[in-house]
Amino acid sequence: MRVFIIDTSNMGPELQGGMIGVVGSAVPTADEKRDCVETVSRYANDGWAVAADPFTPIGRLAALTAETACVPFLALDRAVRCGGTPITVAPAGPGRPSLG
């Protein structure tokens, strides 16, 4: 699993506390899943927003953890995973996949 910081200086005020991005392997191990929950929880407790691709196992886990911690979750555009060059971040909302 990789965690990276996303620059939120040009984003809305709800994201000014900072945002982390989370990516992981296609078939995460139990340790990777535990690390995801612990890392996202730690940053969320400090008020950081979370970004991930909710169509991946680690992204879905990051989304659930962010939702549980009541911090903003942004769904990363799938084009990033498919080799696209632009990184598009869109707020998760009614169009996001069901996480339950």
Protein backbone atom coordinates (compact mmCIF):
# COMPACT_ATOMS: atom_id res chain seq x y z
CA MET A 1 0.00 0.00 0.00
CA ARG A 2 1.17 3.52 -0.81
CA VAL A 3 0.00 6.70 0.88
CA PHE A 4 0.75 10.08 -0.67
CA ILE A 5 -0.13 13.68 0.13
CA ILE A 6 -2.26 15.61 -2.36
CA ASP A 7 -1.82 19.38 -2.56
CA THR A 8 -5.15 20.95 -1.57
CA SER A 9 -4.04 24.58 -1.61
CA ASN A 10 -6.28 25.33 -4.62
CA MET A 11 -9.26 23.29 -3.46
CA GLY A 12 -12.32 24.15 -1.38
CA PRO A 13 -12.19 25.03 2.31
CA GLU A 14 -13.43 21.59 3.39
CA LEU A 15 -10.16 20.12 2.06
CA GLN A 16 -7.76 22.69 3.50
CA GLY A 17 -6.93 20.37 6.42
CA GLY A 18 -5.00 18.23 3.95
CA MET A 19 -5.70 15.16 1.87
CA ILE A 20 -4.00 11.80 1.48
CA GLY A 21 -4.26 9.44 -1.45
CA VAL A 22 -4.26 5.70 -0.89
CA VAL A 23 -3.46 2.97 -3.43
CA GLY A 24 -2.77 -0.71 -2.94
CA SER A 25 -2.33 -4.02 -4.64
CA ALA A 26 -5.10 -5.69 -6.62
CA VAL A 27 -5.26 -8.53 -4.09
CA PRO A 28 -4.30 -7.02 -0.73
CA THR A 29 -3.03 -9.15 2.12
CA ALA A 30 -4.53 -9.01 5.59
CA ASP A 31 -1.53 -6.90 6.69
CA GLU A 32 -2.11 -4.43 3.85
CA LYS A 33 -5.79 -4.13 4.76
CA ARG A 34 -4.92 -3.54 8.43
CA ASP A 35 -2.31 -0.93 7.45
CA CYS A 36 -4.92 0.81 5.29
CA VAL A 37 -7.47 1.06 8.10
CA GLU A 38 -4.86 2.17 10.66
CA THR A 39 -3.27 4.77 8.36
CA VAL A 40 -6.53 6.24 7.09
CA SER A 41 -7.91 6.33 10.64
CA ARG A 42 -4.81 8.13 11.96
CA TYR A 43 -4.95 10.81 9.24
CA ALA A 44 -8.74 11.12 9.53
CA ASN A 45 -8.45 11.75 13.28
CA ASP A 46 -6.21 14.70 12.38
CA GLY A 47 -8.84 16.05 9.97
CA TRP A 48 -7.32 14.93 6.66
CA ALA A 49 -9.56 14.08 3.71
CA VAL A 50 -9.00 10.78 1.88
CA ALA A 51 -8.78 10.08 -1.86
CA ALA A 52 -8.75 6.64 -3.45
CA ASP A 53 -10.26 4.61 -6.27
CA PRO A 54 -13.33 2.97 -4.71
CA PHE A 55 -13.34 0.36 -7.49
CA THR A 56 -10.24 -1.28 -5.95
CA PRO A 57 -10.18 -3.33 -2.73
CA ILE A 58 -7.90 -0.91 -0.85
CA GLY A 59 -9.76 2.10 -2.23
CA ARG A 60 -13.07 0.66 -1.07
CA LEU A 61 -11.60 0.02 2.40
CA ALA A 62 -10.17 3.56 2.51
CA ALA A 63 -13.59 4.93 1.53
CA LEU A 64 -15.38 2.97 4.24
CA THR A 65 -12.81 4.06 6.84
CA ALA A 66 -13.11 7.72 5.78
CA GLU A 67 -16.89 7.51 5.86
CA THR A 68 -16.81 5.97 9.34
CA ALA A 69 -14.47 8.74 10.53
CA CYS A 70 -16.78 11.41 8.99
CA VAL A 71 -14.06 12.98 6.85
CA PRO A 72 -14.41 13.89 3.16
CA PHE A 73 -13.71 11.11 0.67
CA LEU A 74 -12.85 11.89 -2.93
CA ALA A 75 -13.03 9.19 -5.58
CA LEU A 76 -9.97 9.18 -7.84
CA ASP A 77 -10.80 9.05 -11.53
CA ARG A 78 -10.32 5.58 -12.99
CA ALA A 79 -8.26 7.05 -15.86
CA VAL A 80 -5.34 7.42 -13.44
CA ARG A 81 -5.29 3.66 -12.90
CA CYS A 82 -5.52 3.02 -16.63
CA GLY A 83 -2.44 5.06 -17.51
CA GLY A 84 -4.11 8.39 -18.22
CA THR A 85 -1.93 11.42 -17.56
CA PRO A 86 -4.40 13.85 -15.99
CA ILE A 87 -5.23 13.27 -12.35
CA THR A 88 -8.87 14.17 -11.92
CA VAL A 89 -10.29 14.27 -8.44
CA ALA A 90 -14.05 14.40 -8.13
CA PRO A 91 -16.02 14.54 -4.89
CA ALA A 92 -17.78 11.31 -4.11
CA GLY A 93 -21.51 11.72 -4.03
CA PRO A 94 -24.71 10.26 -5.39
CA GLY A 95 -22.88 8.83 -8.42
CA ARG A 96 -20.27 6.93 -6.41
CA PRO A 97 -20.57 3.17 -6.13
CA SER A 98 -22.35 1.68 -3.16
CA LEU A 99 -19.86 1.00 -0.39
CA GLY A 100 -22.16 -1.11 1.73
